[in-house]
Every structure is written in structure tokens, then in C-alpha cells.
PDB file of N, CA and C in Angstrom:
ATOM      1  N   MET A   1      85.703  78.700 159.663  1.00  0.00           N
ATOM      2  CA  MET A   1      86.615  78.938 158.427  1.00  0.00           C
ATOM      3  C   MET A   1      85.676  79.061 157.247  1.00  0.00           C
ATOM      4  N   HIS A   2      86.308  80.018 156.437  1.00  0.00           N
ATOM      5  CA  HIS A   2      85.447  80.127 155.148  1.00  0.00           C
ATOM      6  C   HIS A   2      86.533  80.403 153.885  1.00  0.00           C
ATOM      7  N   ILE A   3      85.992  79.976 152.794  1.00  0.00           N
ATOM      8  CA  ILE A   3      86.872  80.138 151.583  1.00  0.00           C
ATOM      9  C   ILE A   3      85.878  81.108 150.600  1.00  0.00           C
ATOM     10  N   ARG A   4      86.441  82.388 150.185  1.00  0.00           N
ATOM     11  CA  ARG A   4      85.576  83.162 149.198  1.00  0.00           C
ATOM     12  C   ARG A   4      86.028  83.101 147.868  1.00  0.00           C
ATOM     13  N   LEU A   5      85.063  82.672 146.898  1.00  0.00           N
ATOM     14  CA  LEU A   5      85.332  82.642 145.433  1.00  0.00           C
ATOM     15  C   LEU A   5      84.308  83.624 144.840  1.00  0.00           C
ATOM     16  N   GLY A   6      84.922  85.142 144.670  1.00  0.00           N
ATOM     17  CA  GLY A   6      83.736  85.880 144.373  1.00  0.00           C
ATOM     18  C   GLY A   6      82.841  86.137 145.306  1.00  0.00           C
ATOM     19  N   ARG A   7      81.572  85.965 144.830  1.00  0.00           N
ATOM     20  CA  ARG A   7      80.408  86.112 145.904  1.00  0.00           C
ATOM     21  C   ARG A   7      80.176  84.743 146.510  1.00  0.00           C
ATOM     22  N   LEU A   8      80.620  83.754 146.084  1.00  0.00           N
ATOM     23  CA  LEU A   8      80.261  82.556 146.605  1.00  0.00           C
ATOM     24  C   LEU A   8      81.205  82.159 147.790  1.00  0.00           C
ATOM     25  N   VAL A   9      80.741  81.840 149.161  1.00  0.00           N
ATOM     26  CA  VAL A   9      81.506  81.650 150.162  1.00  0.00           C
ATOM     27  C   VAL A   9      81.267  80.179 150.583  1.00  0.00           C
ATOM     28  N   LEU A  10      82.307  79.302 150.640  1.00  0.00           N
ATOM     29  CA  LEU A  10      82.158  78.053 151.159  1.00  0.00           C
ATOM     30  C   LEU A  10      82.698  78.112 152.528  1.00  0.00           C
ATOM     31  N   ARG A  11      81.817  77.373 153.455  1.00  0.00           N
ATOM     32  CA  ARG A  11      82.033  77.530 155.009  1.00  0.00           C
ATOM     33  C   ARG A  11      82.117  76.168 155.656  1.00  0.00           C
ATOM     34  N   THR A  12      82.635  76.105 156.816  1.00  0.00           N
ATOM     35  CA  THR A  12      82.717  74.719 157.501  1.00  0.00           C
ATOM     36  C   THR A  12      81.707  74.848 158.834  1.00  0.00           C
ATOM     37  N   TYR A  13      80.702  75.871 158.679  1.00  0.00           N
ATOM     38  CA  TYR A  13      79.710  75.927 159.894  1.00  0.00           C
ATOM     39  C   TYR A  13      78.432  76.306 159.143  1.00  0.00           C
ATOM     40  N   ARG A  14      77.418  76.285 160.172  1.00  0.00           N
ATOM     41  CA  ARG A  14      75.938  76.677 159.703  1.00  0.00           C
ATOM     42  C   ARG A  14      75.637  76.126 158.259  1.00  0.00           C
ATOM     43  N   SER A  15      75.191  76.871 157.373  1.00  0.00           N
ATOM     44  CA  SER A  15      74.910  76.251 155.959  1.00  0.00           C
ATOM     45  C   SER A  15      76.356  76.475 155.415  1.00  0.00           C
ATOM     46  N   TYR A  16      76.739  75.302 154.653  1.00  0.00           N
ATOM     47  CA  TYR A  16      78.022  75.166 154.087  1.00  0.00           C
ATOM     48  C   TYR A  16      78.363  76.099 152.752  1.00  0.00           C
ATOM     49  N   VAL A  17      77.374  76.612 152.207  1.00  0.00           N
ATOM     50  CA  VAL A  17      77.422  77.470 150.986  1.00  0.00           C
ATOM     51  C   VAL A  17      76.584  78.773 151.264  1.00  0.00           C
ATOM     52  N   MET A  18      77.190  79.868 151.033  1.00  0.00           N
ATOM     53  CA  MET A  18      76.377  81.030 151.123  1.00  0.00           C
ATOM     54  C   MET A  18      76.972  82.221 150.054  1.00  0.00           C
ATOM     55  N   TRP A  19      75.839  82.849 149.635  1.00  0.00           N
ATOM     56  CA  TRP A  19      76.222  84.051 148.514  1.00  0.00           C
ATOM     57  C   TRP A  19      76.308  85.252 149.252  1.00  0.00           C
ATOM     58  N   LEU A  20      77.243  86.057 149.202  1.00  0.00           N
ATOM     59  CA  LEU A  20      77.604  87.295 149.715  1.00  0.00           C
ATOM     60  C   LEU A  20      76.566  88.421 149.011  1.00  0.00           C
ATOM     61  N   PRO A  21      76.109  89.287 149.696  1.00  0.00           N
ATOM     62  CA  PRO A  21      75.009  90.218 149.109  1.00  0.00           C
ATOM     63  C   PRO A  21      75.925  91.163 147.989  1.00  0.00           C
ATOM     64  N   SER A  22      75.224  91.441 147.073  1.00  0.00           N
ATOM     65  CA  SER A  22      75.931  92.464 145.768  1.00  0.00           C
ATOM     66  C   SER A  22      76.411  93.556 146.485  1.00  0.00           C
ATOM     67  N   GLY A  23      77.814  93.787 146.113  1.00  0.00           N
ATOM     68  CA  GLY A  23      78.641  95.011 146.558  1.00  0.00           C
ATOM     69  C   GLY A  23      79.135  94.714 147.960  1.00  0.00           C
ATOM     70  N   TYR A  24      79.309  93.438 148.353  1.00  0.00           N
ATOM     71  CA  TYR A  24      79.779  93.079 149.750  1.00  0.00           C
ATOM     72  C   TYR A  24      81.305  93.740 149.735  1.00  0.00           C
ATOM     73  N   LYS A  25      81.613  94.311 150.955  1.00  0.00           N
ATOM     74  CA  LYS A  25      83.023  94.679 151.208  1.00  0.00           C
ATOM     75  C   LYS A  25      83.524  94.077 152.534  1.00  0.00           C
ATOM     76  N   GLU A  26      84.696  93.658 152.481  1.00  0.00           N
ATOM     77  CA  GLU A  26      85.286  93.157 153.738  1.00  0.00           C
ATOM     78  C   GLU A  26      85.306  94.332 154.959  1.00  0.00           C
ATOM     79  N   PRO A  27      85.145  94.079 156.089  1.00  0.00           N
ATOM     80  CA  PRO A  27      85.123  94.987 157.112  1.00  0.00           C
ATOM     81  C   PRO A  27      86.537  95.451 157.376  1.00  0.00           C
ATOM     82  N   SER A  28      86.667  96.577 157.833  1.00  0.00           N
ATOM     83  CA  SER A  28      87.852  97.083 158.594  1.00  0.00           C
ATOM     84  C   SER A  28      88.062  96.833 159.866  1.00  0.00           C
ATOM     85  N   ILE A  29      89.361  96.431 160.422  1.00  0.00           N
ATOM     86  CA  ILE A  29      89.550  96.466 161.908  1.00  0.00           C
ATOM     87  C   ILE A  29      90.205  97.603 162.565  1.00  0.00           C
ATOM     88  N   VAL A  30      89.805  97.936 163.452  1.00  0.00           N
ATOM     89  CA  VAL A  30      90.172  99.084 164.173  1.00  0.00           C
ATOM     90  C   VAL A  30      90.591  98.695 165.641  1.00  0.00           C
ATOM     91  N   TYR A  31      91.864  99.168 166.109  1.00  0.00           N
ATOM     92  CA  TYR A  31      92.322  98.745 167.436  1.00  0.00           C
ATOM     93  C   TYR A  31      92.133  99.850 168.289  1.00  0.00           C
ATOM     94  N   LEU A  32      91.396  99.831 169.393  1.00  0.00           N
ATOM     95  CA  LEU A  32      91.112 101.003 170.190  1.00  0.00           C
ATOM     96  C   LEU A  32      91.959 100.895 171.558  1.00  0.00           C
ATOM     97  N   VAL A  33      92.500 102.007 172.035  1.00  0.00           N
ATOM     98  CA  VAL A  33      93.304 101.933 173.223  1.00  0.00           C
ATOM     99  C   VAL A  33      92.360 102.548 174.286  1.00  0.00           C
ATOM    100  N   GLU A  34      91.801 101.954 175.140  1.00  0.00           N
ATOM    101  CA  GLU A  34      90.913 102.288 176.102  1.00  0.00           C
ATOM    102  C   GLU A  34      91.487 102.197 177.675  1.00  0.00           C
ATOM    103  N   THR A  35      90.962 103.087 178.633  1.00  0.00           N
ATOM    104  CA  THR A  35      91.146 102.886 179.875  1.00  0.00           C
ATOM    105  C   THR A  35      89.777 102.537 180.519  1.00  0.00           C
ATOM    106  N   HIS A  36      90.096 101.689 181.816  1.00  0.00           N
ATOM    107  CA  HIS A  36      88.820 101.508 182.498  1.00  0.00           C
ATOM    108  C   HIS A  36      88.709 102.161 183.847  1.00  0.00           C
ATOM    109  N   ASP A  37      87.500 102.747 184.184  1.00  0.00           N
ATOM    110  CA  ASP A  37      87.375 103.475 185.553  1.00  0.00           C
ATOM    111  C   ASP A  37      86.568 102.453 186.253  1.00  0.00           C
ATOM    112  N   GLU A  38      87.114 101.622 187.264  1.00  0.00           N
ATOM    113  CA  GLU A  38      86.423 100.434 187.905  1.00  0.00           C
ATOM    114  C   GLU A  38      85.297 101.284 188.921  1.00  0.00           C
ATOM    115  N   GLU A  39      85.654 102.504 189.399  1.00  0.00           N
ATOM    116  CA  GLU A  39      84.785 103.071 190.292  1.00  0.00           C
ATOM    117  C   GLU A  39      83.607 103.424 189.510  1.00  0.00           C
ATOM    118  N   GLU A  40      83.382 103.853 188.389  1.00  0.00           N
ATOM    119  CA  GLU A  40      82.241 104.321 187.677  1.00  0.00           C
ATOM    120  C   GLU A  40      81.737 103.161 186.860  1.00  0.00           C
ATOM    121  N   GLY A  41      82.475 102.253 186.583  1.00  0.00           N
ATOM    122  CA  GLY A  41      82.082 101.214 185.546  1.00  0.00           C
ATOM    123  C   GLY A  41      82.114 101.512 184.128  1.00  0.00           C
ATOM    124  N   ARG A  42      83.039 102.489 183.773  1.00  0.00           N
ATOM    125  CA  ARG A  42      82.976 102.935 182.434  1.00  0.00           C
ATOM    126  C   ARG A  42      84.451 102.709 181.852  1.00  0.00           C
ATOM    127  N   SER A  43      84.374 102.785 180.354  1.00  0.00           N
ATOM    128  CA  SER A  43      85.606 102.662 179.867  1.00  0.00           C
ATOM    129  C   SER A  43      85.751 104.045 178.827  1.00  0.00           C
ATOM    130  N   TYR A  44      86.987 104.491 178.622  1.00  0.00           N
ATOM    131  CA  TYR A  44      87.207 105.520 177.898  1.00  0.00           C
ATOM    132  C   TYR A  44      88.205 105.435 176.886  1.00  0.00           C
ATOM    133  N   GLN A  45      87.797 105.769 175.634  1.00  0.00           N
ATOM    134  CA  GLN A  45      88.730 105.550 174.601  1.00  0.00           C
ATOM    135  C   GLN A  45      89.703 106.802 174.333  1.00  0.00           C
ATOM    136  N   LEU A  46      91.200 106.366 174.386  1.00  0.00           N
ATOM    137  CA  LEU A  46      92.235 107.119 174.163  1.00  0.00           C
ATOM    138  C   LEU A  46      92.800 107.395 172.977  1.00  0.00           C
ATOM    139  N   GLY A  47      92.679 106.351 172.109  1.00  0.00           N
ATOM    140  CA  GLY A  47      93.159 106.550 170.583  1.00  0.00           C
ATOM    141  C   GLY A  47      92.570 105.312 169.763  1.00  0.00           C
ATOM    142  N   GLY A  48      92.653 105.357 168.526  1.00  0.00           N
ATOM    143  CA  GLY A  48      92.236 104.241 167.578  1.00  0.00           C
ATOM    144  C   GLY A  48      93.221 104.172 166.482  1.00  0.00           C
ATOM    145  N   PHE A  49      93.511 102.892 166.301  1.00  0.00           N
ATOM    146  CA  PHE A  49      94.676 102.525 165.158  1.00  0.00           C
ATOM    147  C   PHE A  49      94.208 101.588 164.211  1.00  0.00           C
ATOM    148  N   THR A  50      94.808 101.373 163.044  1.00  0.00           N
ATOM    149  CA  THR A  50      94.635 100.513 162.045  1.00  0.00           C
ATOM    150  C   THR A  50      95.395  99.246 162.209  1.00  0.00           C
ATOM    151  N   THR A  51      96.555  99.274 163.179  1.00  0.00           N
ATOM    152  CA  THR A  51      97.325  98.148 163.357  1.00  0.00           C
ATOM    153  C   THR A  51      97.329  97.892 164.852  1.00  0.00           C
ATOM    154  N   GLU A  52      97.533  96.517 165.313  1.00  0.00           N
ATOM    155  CA  GLU A  52      97.729  96.243 166.757  1.00  0.00           C
ATOM    156  C   GLU A  52      99.204  96.876 167.202  1.00  0.00           C
ATOM    157  N   ARG A  53     100.208  96.690 166.096  1.00  0.00           N
ATOM    158  CA  ARG A  53     101.428  97.056 166.672  1.00  0.00           C
ATOM    159  C   ARG A  53     101.454  98.667 167.059  1.00  0.00           C
ATOM    160  N   GLU A  54     100.706  99.563 166.378  1.00  0.00           N
ATOM    161  CA  GLU A  54     100.575 101.051 166.776  1.00  0.00           C
ATOM    162  C   GLU A  54      99.789 101.072 168.227  1.00  0.00           C
ATOM    163  N   ALA A  55      98.747 100.222 168.159  1.00  0.00           N
ATOM    164  CA  ALA A  55      97.949 100.335 169.534  1.00  0.00           C
ATOM    165  C   ALA A  55      98.985 100.006 170.761  1.00  0.00           C
ATOM    166  N   GLN A  56      99.657  98.978 170.542  1.00  0.00           N
ATOM    167  CA  GLN A  56     100.554  98.421 171.602  1.00  0.00           C
ATOM    168  C   GLN A  56     101.588  99.499 171.968  1.00  0.00           C
ATOM    169  N   ALA A  57     102.197 100.325 170.895  1.00  0.00           N
ATOM    170  CA  ALA A  57     103.058 101.445 171.161  1.00  0.00           C
ATOM    171  C   ALA A  57     102.482 102.446 171.727  1.00  0.00           C
ATOM    172  N   CYS A  58     101.214 102.799 171.569  1.00  0.00           N
ATOM    173  CA  CYS A  58     100.537 103.917 172.382  1.00  0.00           C
ATOM    174  C   CYS A  58     100.361 103.556 173.591  1.00  0.00           C
ATOM    175  N   ILE A  59     100.053 102.318 173.962  1.00  0.00           N
ATOM    176  CA  ILE A  59      99.826 101.843 175.299  1.00  0.00           C
ATOM    177  C   ILE A  59     101.123 101.970 176.097  1.00  0.00           C
ATOM    178  N   ARG A  60     102.208 101.512 175.561  1.00  0.00           N
ATOM    179  CA  ARG A  60     103.559 101.559 176.153  1.00  0.00           C
ATOM    180  C   ARG A  60     103.794 103.095 176.430  1.00  0.00           C
ATOM    181  N   LYS A  61     103.608 103.998 175.455  1.00  0.00           N
ATOM    182  CA  LYS A  61     103.720 105.456 175.602  1.00  0.00           C
ATOM    183  C   LYS A  61     103.040 105.913 176.877  1.00  0.00           C
ATOM    184  N   LEU A  62     101.621 105.773 176.881  1.00  0.00           N
ATOM    185  CA  LEU A  62     100.808 106.210 177.933  1.00  0.00           C
ATOM    186  C   LEU A  62     101.250 105.547 179.262  1.00  0.00           C
ATOM    187  N   GLU A  63     101.596 104.291 179.281  1.00  0.00           N
ATOM    188  CA  GLU A  63     102.005 103.777 180.543  1.00  0.00           C
ATOM    189  C   GLU A  63     103.212 104.491 181.173  1.00  0.00           C
ATOM    190  N   SER A  64     104.175 104.955 180.190  1.00  0.00           N
ATOM    191  CA  SER A  64     105.522 105.542 180.715  1.00  0.00           C
ATOM    192  C   SER A  64     105.056 107.035 181.143  1.00  0.00           C
ATOM    193  N   GLU A  65     103.870 107.471 180.853  1.00  0.00           N
ATOM    194  CA  GLU A  65     103.296 108.721 181.386  1.00  0.00           C
ATOM    195  C   GLU A  65     102.656 108.564 182.574  1.00  0.00           C
ATOM    196  N   GLY A  66     102.438 107.161 183.022  1.00  0.00           N
ATOM    197  CA  GLY A  66     101.736 107.112 184.301  1.00  0.00           C
ATOM    198  C   GLY A  66     100.356 106.543 184.186  1.00  0.00           C
ATOM    199  N   TRP A  67      99.897 106.374 183.004  1.00  0.00           N
ATOM    200  CA  TRP A  67      98.449 105.629 182.863  1.00  0.00           C
ATOM    201  C   TRP A  67      98.545 104.251 183.291  1.00  0.00           C
ATOM    202  N   THR A  68      97.365 103.756 184.063  1.00  0.00           N
ATOM    203  CA  THR A  68      97.091 102.400 184.274  1.00  0.00           C
ATOM    204  C   THR A  68      95.831 101.969 183.833  1.00  0.00           C
ATOM    205  N   GLY A  69      95.715 100.674 183.733  1.00  0.00           N
ATOM    206  CA  GLY A  69      94.346  99.931 183.350  1.00  0.00           C
ATOM    207  C   GLY A  69      94.198 100.162 181.871  1.00  0.00           C
ATOM    208  N   LEU A  70      95.135 100.106 180.960  1.00  0.00           N
ATOM    209  CA  LEU A  70      94.968 100.389 179.599  1.00  0.00           C
ATOM    210  C   LEU A  70      94.570  98.896 178.933  1.00  0.00           C
ATOM    211  N   ASP A  71      94.025  98.915 178.006  1.00  0.00           N
ATOM    212  CA  ASP A  71      93.600  97.767 177.174  1.00  0.00           C
ATOM    213  C   ASP A  71      93.535  98.078 175.816  1.00  0.00           C
ATOM    214  N   THR A  72      93.524  96.993 174.814  1.00  0.00           N
ATOM    215  CA  THR A  72      93.118  97.187 173.413  1.00  0.00           C
ATOM    216  C   THR A  72      91.821  96.674 173.165  1.00  0.00           C
ATOM    217  N   ASN A  73      90.843  97.368 172.635  1.00  0.00           N
ATOM    218  CA  ASN A  73      89.601  96.687 172.131  1.00  0.00           C
ATOM    219  C   ASN A  73      89.728  96.763 170.486  1.00  0.00           C
ATOM    220  N   ILE A  74      89.310  95.448 170.028  1.00  0.00           N
ATOM    221  CA  ILE A  74      89.135  95.307 168.549  1.00  0.00           C
ATOM    222  C   ILE A  74      87.804  95.389 168.118  1.00  0.00           C
ATOM    223  N   VAL A  75      87.699  96.339 167.049  1.00  0.00           N
ATOM    224  CA  VAL A  75      86.284  96.655 166.710  1.00  0.00           C
ATOM    225  C   VAL A  75      86.221  96.467 165.113  1.00  0.00           C
ATOM    226  N   THR A  76      85.184  95.817 164.614  1.00  0.00           N
ATOM    227  CA  THR A  76      85.105  95.593 163.064  1.00  0.00           C
ATOM    228  C   THR A  76      84.162  96.679 162.736  1.00  0.00           C
ATOM    229  N   VAL A  77      84.437  97.131 161.619  1.00  0.00           N
ATOM    230  CA  VAL A  77      83.792  98.332 161.073  1.00  0.00           C
ATOM    231  C   VAL A  77      83.393  98.188 159.651  1.00  0.00           C
ATOM    232  N   HIS A  78      81.922  98.088 159.420  1.00  0.00           N
ATOM    233  CA  HIS A  78      81.412  97.678 158.221  1.00  0.00           C
ATOM    234  C   HIS A  78      80.837  99.100 157.450  1.00  0.00           C
ATOM    235  N   GLU A  79      80.832  98.981 156.094  1.00  0.00           N
ATOM    236  CA  GLU A  79      80.294 100.203 155.339  1.00  0.00           C
ATOM    237  C   GLU A  79      78.752 100.152 155.329  1.00  0.00           C
ATOM    238  N   ARG A  80      78.152  98.972 155.259  1.00  0.00           N
ATOM    239  CA  ARG A  80      76.700  98.730 155.204  1.00  0.00           C
ATOM    240  C   ARG A  80      76.141  97.940 156.051  1.00  0.00           C
ATOM    241  N   LEU A  81      74.874  98.107 156.290  1.00  0.00           N
ATOM    242  CA  LEU A  81      74.062  97.306 157.355  1.00  0.00           C
ATOM    243  C   LEU A  81      74.100  95.899 156.878  1.00  0.00           C
ATOM    244  N   THR A  82      73.893  95.677 155.411  1.00  0.00           N
ATOM    245  CA  THR A  82      73.657  94.323 154.738  1.00  0.00           C
ATOM    246  C   THR A  82      74.987  93.619 154.901  1.00  0.00           C
ATOM    247  N   ASP A  83      76.225  94.257 154.886  1.00  0.00           N
ATOM    248  CA  ASP A  83      77.513  93.530 155.165  1.00  0.00           C
ATOM    249  C   ASP A  83      77.536  93.132 156.556  1.00  0.00           C
ATOM    250  N   TRP A  84      77.125  93.832 157.510  1.00  0.00           N
ATOM    251  CA  TRP A  84      77.344  93.561 159.039  1.00  0.00           C
ATOM    252  C   TRP A  84      76.409  92.425 159.316  1.00  0.00           C
ATOM    253  N   GLN A  85      75.080  92.350 158.663  1.00  0.00           N
ATOM    254  CA  GLN A  85      74.177  91.353 158.827  1.00  0.00           C
ATOM    255  C   GLN A  85      74.833  89.997 158.357  1.00  0.00           C
ATOM    256  N   TRP A  86      75.426  90.060 157.205  1.00  0.00           N
ATOM    257  CA  TRP A  86      76.121  88.805 156.725  1.00  0.00           C
ATOM    258  C   TRP A  86      77.244  88.209 157.609  1.00  0.00           C
ATOM    259  N   ASN A  87      77.942  89.058 158.159  1.00  0.00           N
ATOM    260  CA  ASN A  87      79.125  88.822 158.914  1.00  0.00           C
ATOM    261  C   ASN A  87      79.018  88.562 160.276  1.00  0.00           C
ATOM    262  N   ARG A  88      77.715  88.873 160.838  1.00  0.00           N
ATOM    263  CA  ARG A  88      77.690  88.487 162.304  1.00  0.00           C
ATOM    264  C   ARG A  88      77.498  87.289 162.747  1.00  0.00           C
TER     265      ARG A  88
END
């Protein structure tokens, strides 16, 4: 858990106080609808959405069309490498 006060972040783990890099932006969350091919051991992306609700609606629509083995994969998208390094 963490509390952000401008660039200062107070955390309950690792070091308790940390400064965010200059220009830090919160990452975006993307919900990907994927199908898994067990035979080949691969996953295929069928769609990406900014809300879980829309991803679930897509899964219901695809299942009504006969698709099976569908799942939602949550991906965090950062604008800069320094933001990703701080957040990982």
C-alpha cells in the first residue's frame, strides 16, 4: 500500500519513503481478451479495452458466437521506462 503526496510516496513495504521520478505519470490499465491454443501453447489477443466491464461484455459476445477458452489479461502500460522501473 502507498500514499502519494506530490512526488513523495509513503509506503508500507521495502523502503518506507520514496521520491517519484520527475514527470512521473500513473500507468494506464488495459484489459485484453485472449484465447489460448493448448495444442500450440500460444495465446492470441482478440481485443483490448480500457474497462473490465467492456472486456467481459466482449467475452460474452464471443462465447455466444462459439468461441471457447477465453480469458482476460490485465496489462499495465507506462509512458516512460523510468516510470516502469519505479513501479515494478
